[in-house]
């Protein structure tokens, strides 16, 4: 029997050797910290502090503004300087709370928030997770308490921990698994016990044999959690593909994972759930991989939210020879976003800073489609990207929808494999966003 996987996908250069053996090191911010009120899918949080207020580490500074929203907490102690629009990694300005760092890192009393786990009901745990401001930390930023509140709780069979980390260069989840496996197991156990029939799966790609071995040793005799070794292939960690590979269940664009009896959480999200429930700590930090051929010392840093990216780069030894890279990506090379300024804050969904000395993509000139069919072969959504891109370019929404354009997961496989170097993913993604925006209206 072959390794668990899905149809399609690609095998880009991994680049993980640059940082995978570098243990997590904590970095404490030196300068002011900036907290965008939109670090998640859903309504922006509402500030509950004002200019001049002194705040402590772990203090709530902005409140969820609806069911799909998330609280925000200060990661430093200091004084609120202002609340104003600030630039983010997305390239837009977002209303943000700016806190002047006093360098003392005085904390709220986390211990007084801890409750006896055996006395907690499912609703209590959801409330703790909501209060801690935990969101999906694989990039999407969906509030974790909402994910753990499915329409039909009795239908949930699996809680899947996404340990695939299929994006090239990223090693932050791998380091969490290697260094804090017990916390991941306990965080997953908390989630499993919220549902009557659920079992746990920790899914790890086979290019991380040490993590698979470690987790299996720790889970020997545990009949509620298993470790699945999945094939190393991009985008193995995409939610739909991960569910299919591990359960054989298909999820389309009109479904939620819960409709297939599954809830999927990122490794760092599960770790944050452990810290919130067991230690009373809100989400104020995450592991970020700083890597690429332009970085002096590739590493994995435990970074506090709000920290300026210039500081993070400096903590990784700065750029080689002091030369600014041609391209810096927030996230991985496939689904991350190229950024034009480092004067932006780290947010909950920041998994990596990828710094490349040369921008190979910018040098490529797209040409006409040669109808080779490679984009179809690699597409995990089983659509025809070249045809969808043509409909998108001509504004033909009807045919775009008729030919399942919404099944695209924007993974970038088609653009990667295209010999004509056409911008297939970006073209399709633009039309998908337009259709979703019109639906909201």
Protein backbone atom coordinates (compact mmCIF):
# COMPACT_ATOMS: atom_id res chain seq x y z
CA UNK A 1 0.00 0.00 0.00
CA UNK A 2 1.37 3.42 -1.00
CA UNK A 3 1.61 6.49 1.19
CA UNK A 4 -1.55 8.48 1.85
CA UNK A 5 -2.00 11.26 -0.71
CA UNK A 6 -4.27 12.80 -3.37
CA UNK A 7 -4.34 13.06 -7.17
CA UNK A 8 -2.24 15.85 -8.70
CA UNK A 9 0.27 18.09 -6.98
CA UNK A 10 3.91 18.99 -7.58
CA UNK A 11 7.37 18.49 -6.06
CA UNK A 12 9.13 21.86 -5.84
CA UNK A 13 12.58 22.28 -4.30
CA UNK A 14 12.06 21.92 -0.55
CA UNK A 15 14.71 24.22 0.91
CA UNK A 16 13.95 22.96 4.44
CA UNK A 17 17.55 21.96 5.13
CA UNK A 18 18.36 25.66 5.71
CA UNK A 19 16.44 25.82 8.99
CA UNK A 20 14.95 22.45 9.99
CA UNK A 21 17.74 21.64 12.45
CA UNK A 22 17.65 25.07 14.09
CA UNK A 23 15.89 24.88 17.51
CA UNK A 24 13.25 27.46 18.37
CA UNK A 25 14.67 30.59 20.03
CA UNK A 26 12.53 33.24 21.68
CA UNK A 27 12.90 36.81 20.50
CA UNK A 28 11.73 39.73 22.64
CA UNK A 29 10.83 42.90 20.71
CA UNK A 30 12.85 46.03 21.41
CA UNK A 31 10.73 48.70 19.74
CA UNK A 32 7.04 49.61 19.64
CA UNK A 33 4.56 46.88 18.76
CA UNK A 34 1.69 47.30 16.30
CA UNK A 35 -1.48 45.21 16.52
CA UNK A 36 -3.72 45.29 13.41
CA UNK A 37 -7.38 44.84 14.35
CA UNK A 38 -7.82 42.44 11.39
CA UNK A 39 -5.54 39.44 11.95
CA UNK A 40 -8.26 36.93 11.15
CA UNK A 41 -11.12 36.09 8.82
CA UNK A 42 -14.25 37.98 9.81
CA UNK A 43 -15.07 41.31 11.44
CA UNK A 44 -12.16 43.46 12.71
CA UNK A 45 -11.77 43.44 16.50
CA UNK A 46 -12.95 46.49 18.46
CA UNK A 47 -10.34 48.35 20.59
CA UNK A 48 -11.03 48.35 24.35
CA UNK A 49 -8.02 50.52 25.24
CA UNK A 50 -7.29 54.17 24.49
CA UNK A 51 -4.28 56.42 24.07
CA UNK A 52 -2.33 56.74 27.34
CA UNK A 53 -3.48 53.43 28.86
CA UNK A 54 -0.79 51.20 30.35
CA UNK A 55 -1.10 47.55 29.37
CA UNK A 56 0.53 44.29 30.45
CA UNK A 57 1.65 41.19 28.54
CA UNK A 58 -1.44 39.09 27.89
CA UNK A 59 -3.95 41.87 28.49
CA UNK A 60 -6.87 41.99 26.07
CA UNK A 61 -6.67 45.18 24.02
CA UNK A 62 -9.32 44.50 21.37
CA UNK A 63 -12.51 42.46 21.49
CA UNK A 64 -14.11 40.18 18.89
CA UNK A 65 -16.78 42.15 17.03
CA UNK A 66 -19.01 39.20 16.15
CA UNK A 67 -19.21 35.41 16.04
CA UNK A 68 -16.57 35.25 13.28
CA UNK A 69 -13.97 37.57 14.78
CA UNK A 70 -11.12 37.27 17.30
CA UNK A 71 -9.81 38.98 20.43
CA UNK A 72 -6.35 40.57 20.36
CA UNK A 73 -3.95 40.72 23.31
CA UNK A 74 -0.83 42.74 23.98
CA UNK A 75 2.43 40.80 23.75
CA UNK A 76 4.41 43.46 25.64
CA UNK A 77 3.94 45.81 28.59
CA UNK A 78 3.86 49.52 27.84
CA UNK A 79 1.65 52.48 26.97
CA UNK A 80 -0.87 52.81 24.16
CA UNK A 81 0.55 55.50 21.84
CA UNK A 82 -2.19 55.68 19.26
CA UNK A 83 -4.87 53.80 17.33
CA UNK A 84 -4.47 54.49 13.62
CA UNK A 85 -4.16 52.82 10.20
CA UNK A 86 -0.83 51.03 9.75
CA UNK A 87 0.64 49.08 6.84
CA UNK A 88 0.40 45.26 7.00
CA UNK A 89 2.04 42.38 5.12
CA UNK A 90 -1.04 42.32 2.86
CA UNK A 91 0.04 45.70 1.44
CA UNK A 92 -2.97 47.57 2.84
CA UNK A 93 -3.37 49.85 5.81
CA UNK A 94 -5.41 48.42 8.69
CA UNK A 95 -6.61 50.19 11.82
CA UNK A 96 -4.07 49.18 14.48
CA UNK A 97 -3.24 49.66 18.16
CA UNK A 98 0.32 50.96 18.65
CA UNK A 99 1.95 50.25 22.02
CA UNK A 100 5.17 51.84 23.24
CA UNK A 101 7.37 49.06 24.60
CA UNK A 102 8.68 49.69 28.14
CA UNK A 103 10.99 46.66 27.92
CA UNK A 104 9.75 45.24 31.23
CA UNK A 105 7.44 42.55 29.85
CA UNK A 106 5.26 42.62 32.96
CA UNK A 107 2.53 39.99 32.64
CA UNK A 108 -1.05 39.64 33.77
CA UNK A 109 -1.58 36.78 36.22
CA UNK A 110 -2.09 33.87 33.81
CA UNK A 111 -2.39 31.33 36.66
CA UNK A 112 -5.65 32.85 37.91
CA UNK A 113 -7.25 32.11 34.54
CA UNK A 114 -6.48 28.38 34.73
CA UNK A 115 -9.42 26.12 35.58
CA UNK A 116 -9.61 22.44 36.49
CA UNK A 117 -9.74 20.67 33.13
CA UNK A 118 -11.83 17.78 34.50
CA UNK A 119 -14.55 20.23 35.54
CA UNK A 120 -14.79 21.99 32.17
CA UNK A 121 -17.63 21.40 29.74
CA UNK A 122 -17.27 21.74 25.95
CA UNK A 123 -18.79 25.23 26.05
CA UNK A 124 -16.26 26.28 28.70
CA UNK A 125 -13.36 25.18 26.50
CA UNK A 126 -14.79 26.98 23.48
CA UNK A 127 -15.08 30.13 25.57
CA UNK A 128 -11.45 29.82 26.77
CA UNK A 129 -10.26 29.40 23.16
CA UNK A 130 -12.37 32.37 22.05
CA UNK A 131 -11.16 34.53 24.94
CA UNK A 132 -7.53 33.66 24.07
CA UNK A 133 -8.00 35.00 20.51
CA UNK A 134 -6.84 31.77 18.86
CA UNK A 135 -7.15 31.58 15.08
CA UNK A 136 -5.92 29.22 12.38
CA UNK A 137 -2.19 29.88 12.18
CA UNK A 138 -1.53 28.22 8.85
CA UNK A 139 -2.34 31.55 7.21
CA UNK A 140 -6.13 31.58 6.83
CA UNK A 141 -6.79 33.00 10.30
CA UNK A 142 -10.22 31.42 10.86
CA UNK A 143 -11.25 31.74 14.56
CA UNK A 144 -10.55 28.38 16.24
CA UNK A 145 -13.58 28.48 18.53
CA UNK A 146 -15.84 28.82 15.47
CA UNK A 147 -14.21 25.78 13.83
CA UNK A 148 -14.86 23.86 17.05
CA UNK A 149 -18.56 24.82 16.95
CA UNK A 150 -19.87 22.74 14.03
CA UNK A 151 -23.53 22.61 13.07
CA UNK A 152 -23.81 18.91 14.01
CA UNK A 153 -21.37 18.02 16.79
CA UNK A 154 -22.35 14.35 16.70
CA UNK A 155 -21.10 14.08 13.09
CA UNK A 156 -17.48 14.93 13.93
CA UNK A 157 -15.32 11.81 13.56
CA UNK A 158 -11.83 13.26 13.22
CA UNK A 159 -9.75 16.13 14.55
CA UNK A 160 -6.80 16.33 12.14
CA UNK A 161 -3.57 18.10 13.09
CA UNK A 162 -2.01 19.43 9.90
CA UNK A 163 1.66 18.61 10.37
CA UNK A 164 2.29 18.29 6.64
CA UNK A 165 4.02 21.66 6.31
CA UNK A 166 4.13 21.10 2.56
CA UNK A 167 5.20 24.65 1.66
CA UNK A 168 8.88 24.75 0.67
CA UNK A 169 11.33 26.31 3.18
CA UNK A 170 8.92 26.35 6.16
CA UNK A 171 10.07 24.45 9.27
CA UNK A 172 8.23 26.16 12.16
CA UNK A 173 5.63 23.38 12.58
CA UNK A 174 8.34 20.72 12.37
CA UNK A 175 10.24 22.36 15.22
CA UNK A 176 7.07 22.56 17.34
CA UNK A 177 6.49 18.84 16.78
CA UNK A 178 10.09 17.97 17.67
CA UNK A 179 10.43 20.24 20.70
CA UNK A 180 6.92 20.34 22.17
CA UNK A 181 5.28 17.10 21.11
CA UNK A 182 3.65 16.56 24.52
CA UNK A 183 1.85 19.90 24.30
CA UNK A 184 0.61 19.09 20.79
CA UNK A 185 -0.72 15.73 22.00
CA UNK A 186 -2.45 17.31 24.99
CA UNK A 187 -3.88 20.15 22.89
CA UNK A 188 -5.26 17.61 20.42
CA UNK A 189 -6.68 15.52 23.27
CA UNK A 190 -8.54 18.58 24.56
CA UNK A 191 -10.15 19.03 21.13
CA UNK A 192 -11.00 15.33 20.76
CA UNK A 193 -12.73 15.26 24.13
CA UNK A 194 -15.07 18.05 23.02
CA UNK A 195 -16.85 15.54 20.78
CA UNK A 196 -18.48 12.23 21.64
CA UNK A 197 -17.08 10.07 18.84
CA UNK A 198 -14.00 11.92 17.59
CA UNK A 199 -10.53 10.46 17.14
CA UNK A 200 -7.31 12.31 16.41
CA UNK A 201 -4.96 12.16 13.44
CA UNK A 202 -1.57 13.86 13.35
CA UNK A 203 -0.65 13.94 9.64
CA UNK A 204 3.05 14.38 8.85
CA UNK A 205 4.82 14.22 5.48
CA UNK A 206 7.37 11.44 5.06
CA UNK A 207 10.23 13.94 4.67
CA UNK A 208 10.04 14.39 8.47
CA UNK A 209 10.83 10.84 9.69
CA UNK A 210 12.19 12.02 13.06
CA UNK A 211 8.92 13.76 13.91
CA UNK A 212 6.87 10.73 12.83
CA UNK A 213 9.02 8.42 14.97
CA UNK A 214 8.89 10.73 18.01
CA UNK A 215 5.11 11.17 17.92
CA UNK A 216 4.48 7.45 17.38
CA UNK A 217 6.69 6.60 20.36
CA UNK A 218 4.84 9.07 22.56
CA UNK A 219 1.44 7.81 21.38
CA UNK A 220 2.18 4.08 21.77
CA UNK A 221 -0.90 2.50 23.34
CA UNK A 222 -3.09 5.56 22.69
CA UNK A 223 -6.21 4.29 20.90
CA UNK A 224 -7.64 7.77 20.28
CA UNK A 225 -4.79 9.36 18.33
CA UNK A 226 -2.77 7.98 15.43
CA UNK A 227 0.11 9.42 13.41
CA UNK A 228 -0.37 9.16 9.65
CA UNK A 229 2.66 9.25 7.38
CA UNK A 230 1.60 11.08 4.23
CA UNK A 231 3.40 11.51 0.93
CA UNK A 232 5.67 14.53 0.54
CA UNK A 233 3.94 16.50 -2.16
CA UNK A 234 2.61 20.03 -2.52
CA UNK A 235 -0.20 20.96 -1.58
CA UNK A 236 -0.55 17.97 0.76
CA UNK A 237 -1.35 20.32 3.64
CA UNK A 238 -4.26 22.06 1.89
CA UNK A 239 -7.40 21.33 3.91
CA UNK A 240 -9.36 19.47 1.22
CA UNK A 241 -6.36 17.41 0.11
CA UNK A 242 -5.37 16.59 3.70
CA UNK A 243 -8.89 15.36 4.53
CA UNK A 244 -9.02 13.22 1.40
CA UNK A 245 -5.57 11.71 1.98
CA UNK A 246 -6.34 10.80 5.60
CA UNK A 247 -10.02 9.80 5.44
CA UNK A 248 -10.90 9.26 1.78
CA UNK A 249 -13.65 11.87 2.18
CA UNK A 250 -14.14 14.52 -0.48
CA UNK A 251 -14.77 18.18 0.37
CA UNK A 252 -15.79 20.63 -2.36
CA UNK A 253 -16.02 24.43 -2.36
CA UNK A 254 -19.63 24.40 -1.15
CA UNK A 255 -18.75 22.30 1.92
CA UNK A 256 -16.99 22.86 5.20
CA UNK A 257 -14.63 20.18 6.57
CA UNK A 258 -17.23 19.59 9.30
CA UNK A 259 -19.66 18.47 6.57
CA UNK A 260 -17.24 15.58 6.01
CA UNK A 261 -17.00 14.89 9.75
CA UNK A 262 -13.59 16.55 10.10
CA UNK A 263 -12.02 19.53 11.84
CA UNK A 264 -8.49 20.49 10.76
CA UNK A 265 -6.10 22.55 12.90
CA UNK A 266 -2.55 23.71 12.24
CA UNK A 267 0.23 22.55 14.63
CA UNK A 268 0.73 26.03 16.12
CA UNK A 269 -3.04 26.44 16.59
CA UNK A 270 -3.18 23.19 18.60
CA UNK A 271 -0.20 24.42 20.64
CA UNK A 272 -2.04 27.70 21.32
CA UNK A 273 -5.12 25.74 22.47
CA UNK A 274 -2.93 23.84 24.95
CA UNK A 275 -1.47 27.09 26.31
CA UNK A 276 -4.89 28.72 26.66
CA UNK A 277 -6.64 25.81 28.40
CA UNK A 278 -3.76 24.45 30.50
CA UNK A 279 -1.69 27.59 31.19
CA UNK A 280 -4.26 30.39 30.85
CA UNK A 281 -2.20 32.13 28.16
CA UNK A 282 -3.76 34.00 25.23
CA UNK A 283 -2.30 33.90 21.72
CA UNK A 284 0.55 36.44 21.80
CA UNK A 285 3.34 34.63 19.95
CA UNK A 286 4.07 32.08 17.23
CA UNK A 287 7.04 30.34 15.64
CA UNK A 288 8.29 32.04 12.47
CA UNK A 289 10.84 30.52 10.06
CA UNK A 290 13.27 33.17 8.78
CA UNK A 291 15.02 31.66 5.79
CA UNK A 292 16.15 31.91 2.17
CA UNK A 293 19.48 32.34 0.42
CA UNK A 294 19.63 36.04 1.35
CA UNK A 295 19.47 35.49 5.13
CA UNK A 296 22.70 35.30 7.12
CA UNK A 297 21.46 32.80 9.74
CA UNK A 298 18.26 30.93 8.80
CA UNK A 299 16.39 30.08 11.98
CA UNK A 300 13.07 29.47 13.76
CA UNK A 301 12.13 32.28 16.13
CA UNK A 302 9.36 32.43 18.71
CA UNK A 303 8.08 35.87 17.78
CA UNK A 304 5.61 38.01 19.70
CA UNK A 305 2.71 39.43 17.70
CA UNK A 306 3.16 43.11 16.87
CA UNK A 307 6.95 42.82 16.47
CA UNK A 308 8.38 44.86 13.58
CA UNK A 309 9.70 42.65 10.79
CA UNK A 310 12.94 44.67 10.61
CA UNK A 311 13.74 43.44 14.12
CA UNK A 312 13.04 39.84 13.17
CA UNK A 313 15.39 40.03 10.17
CA UNK A 314 18.07 41.57 12.40
CA UNK A 315 17.62 38.71 14.92
CA UNK A 316 18.38 36.27 12.08
CA UNK A 317 21.73 37.97 11.42
CA UNK A 318 20.38 40.37 8.80
CA UNK A 319 20.80 40.03 5.05
CA UNK A 320 23.97 38.49 3.60
CA UNK A 321 26.58 41.15 2.87
CA UNK A 322 23.99 43.75 3.92
CA UNK A 323 22.35 43.52 0.49
CA UNK A 324 18.57 43.90 0.31
CA UNK A 325 17.01 40.79 -1.33
CA UNK A 326 15.16 41.12 -4.61
CA UNK A 327 12.16 39.36 -3.09
CA UNK A 328 10.79 38.95 0.46
CA UNK A 329 7.74 36.76 0.98
CA UNK A 330 5.56 36.66 4.08
CA UNK A 331 4.83 32.93 4.23
CA UNK A 332 5.96 30.21 1.84
CA UNK A 333 6.94 30.62 -1.82
CA UNK A 334 3.75 29.02 -3.16
CA UNK A 335 0.96 30.75 -1.23
CA UNK A 336 2.78 33.50 0.64
CA UNK A 337 2.65 37.20 -0.26
CA UNK A 338 5.55 39.23 -1.60
CA UNK A 339 6.01 42.33 0.57
CA UNK A 340 7.59 45.64 -0.35
CA UNK A 341 8.25 46.95 3.16
CA UNK A 342 9.63 45.39 6.34
CA UNK A 343 8.15 48.20 8.42
CA UNK A 344 5.13 46.05 9.19
CA UNK A 345 4.18 43.92 12.23
CA UNK A 346 4.22 40.17 12.74
CA UNK A 347 0.65 38.89 13.00
CA UNK A 348 -0.96 35.64 14.15
CA UNK A 349 -0.88 34.10 10.67
CA UNK A 350 2.78 34.83 9.85
CA UNK A 351 4.51 31.46 9.39
CA UNK A 352 7.71 32.58 7.68
CA UNK A 353 9.81 35.34 6.15
CA UNK A 354 11.40 34.02 2.97
CA UNK A 355 14.22 36.22 1.64
CA UNK A 356 15.51 35.48 -1.86
CA UNK A 357 18.50 37.22 -3.43
CA UNK A 358 16.96 36.89 -6.92
CA UNK A 359 13.34 37.20 -8.00
CA UNK A 360 13.16 34.43 -10.58
CA UNK A 361 9.42 34.87 -11.16
CA UNK A 362 9.67 38.55 -12.11
CA UNK A 363 12.16 37.70 -14.85
CA UNK A 364 9.76 35.31 -16.58
CA UNK A 365 7.78 36.59 -19.54
CA UNK A 366 4.46 34.76 -20.03
CA UNK A 367 3.59 33.54 -23.54
CA UNK A 368 0.57 31.95 -25.17
CA UNK A 369 -0.84 28.66 -23.86
CA UNK A 370 0.65 25.70 -25.78
CA UNK A 371 -2.17 23.34 -24.68
CA UNK A 372 0.21 20.82 -23.14
CA UNK A 373 -2.21 19.86 -20.36
CA UNK A 374 0.37 19.95 -17.57
CA UNK A 375 -1.76 22.29 -15.48
CA UNK A 376 -4.59 19.73 -15.60
CA UNK A 377 -2.27 16.90 -14.54
CA UNK A 378 -1.09 18.69 -11.38
CA UNK A 379 -4.33 20.42 -10.34
CA UNK A 380 -5.53 18.99 -6.99
CA UNK A 381 -8.95 20.57 -7.55
CA UNK A 382 -9.41 18.53 -10.76
CA UNK A 383 -10.30 21.53 -12.90
CA UNK A 384 -8.78 22.85 -16.16
CA UNK A 385 -6.75 25.91 -15.09
CA UNK A 386 -5.86 27.06 -18.62
CA UNK A 387 -9.53 27.18 -19.59
CA UNK A 388 -10.59 28.88 -16.34
CA UNK A 389 -7.89 31.52 -16.82
CA UNK A 390 -9.20 32.21 -20.32
CA UNK A 391 -12.74 32.70 -19.00
CA UNK A 392 -11.38 34.92 -16.22
CA UNK A 393 -9.42 37.08 -18.68
CA UNK A 394 -12.57 37.63 -20.77
CA UNK A 395 -14.81 38.29 -17.79
CA UNK A 396 -16.93 35.24 -18.69
CA UNK A 397 -18.30 34.54 -15.21
CA UNK A 398 -21.01 32.14 -16.40
CA UNK A 399 -18.56 29.76 -18.05
CA UNK A 400 -16.09 30.21 -15.19
CA UNK A 401 -18.74 28.94 -12.76
CA UNK A 402 -20.04 26.29 -15.16
CA UNK A 403 -16.55 24.78 -15.38
CA UNK A 404 -16.10 24.65 -11.57
CA UNK A 405 -13.90 27.71 -11.17
CA UNK A 406 -14.73 27.90 -7.46
CA UNK A 407 -13.07 24.50 -6.92
CA UNK A 408 -9.66 26.16 -7.40
CA UNK A 409 -7.81 26.34 -4.03
CA UNK A 410 -5.28 28.88 -5.36
CA UNK A 411 -2.38 26.58 -4.50
CA UNK A 412 -0.20 27.76 -7.41
CA UNK A 413 0.57 24.30 -8.86
CA UNK A 414 -0.62 25.30 -12.35
CA UNK A 415 1.48 28.47 -12.50
CA UNK A 416 4.50 26.55 -11.21
CA UNK A 417 4.30 23.82 -13.85
CA UNK A 418 3.23 25.96 -16.84
CA UNK A 419 5.99 25.97 -19.53
CA UNK A 420 4.48 29.15 -21.01
CA UNK A 421 4.87 30.82 -17.57
CA UNK A 422 1.27 32.09 -17.64
CA UNK A 423 -0.08 33.66 -14.44
CA UNK A 424 -2.86 31.11 -14.15
CA UNK A 425 -3.36 31.11 -10.37
CA UNK A 426 -3.41 34.90 -10.04
CA UNK A 427 -5.89 35.27 -12.93
CA UNK A 428 -8.25 32.62 -11.55
CA UNK A 429 -7.91 33.92 -7.98
CA UNK A 430 -8.89 37.43 -9.03
CA UNK A 431 -12.14 36.19 -10.55
CA UNK A 432 -12.91 33.98 -7.55
CA UNK A 433 -12.51 36.96 -5.24
CA UNK A 434 -14.82 39.03 -7.44
CA UNK A 435 -17.50 36.33 -7.39
CA UNK A 436 -17.25 35.93 -3.58
CA UNK A 437 -17.43 39.73 -3.11
CA UNK A 438 -20.55 39.92 -5.28
CA UNK A 439 -22.14 37.09 -3.26
CA UNK A 440 -21.57 39.04 -0.04
CA UNK A 441 -23.30 42.07 -1.55
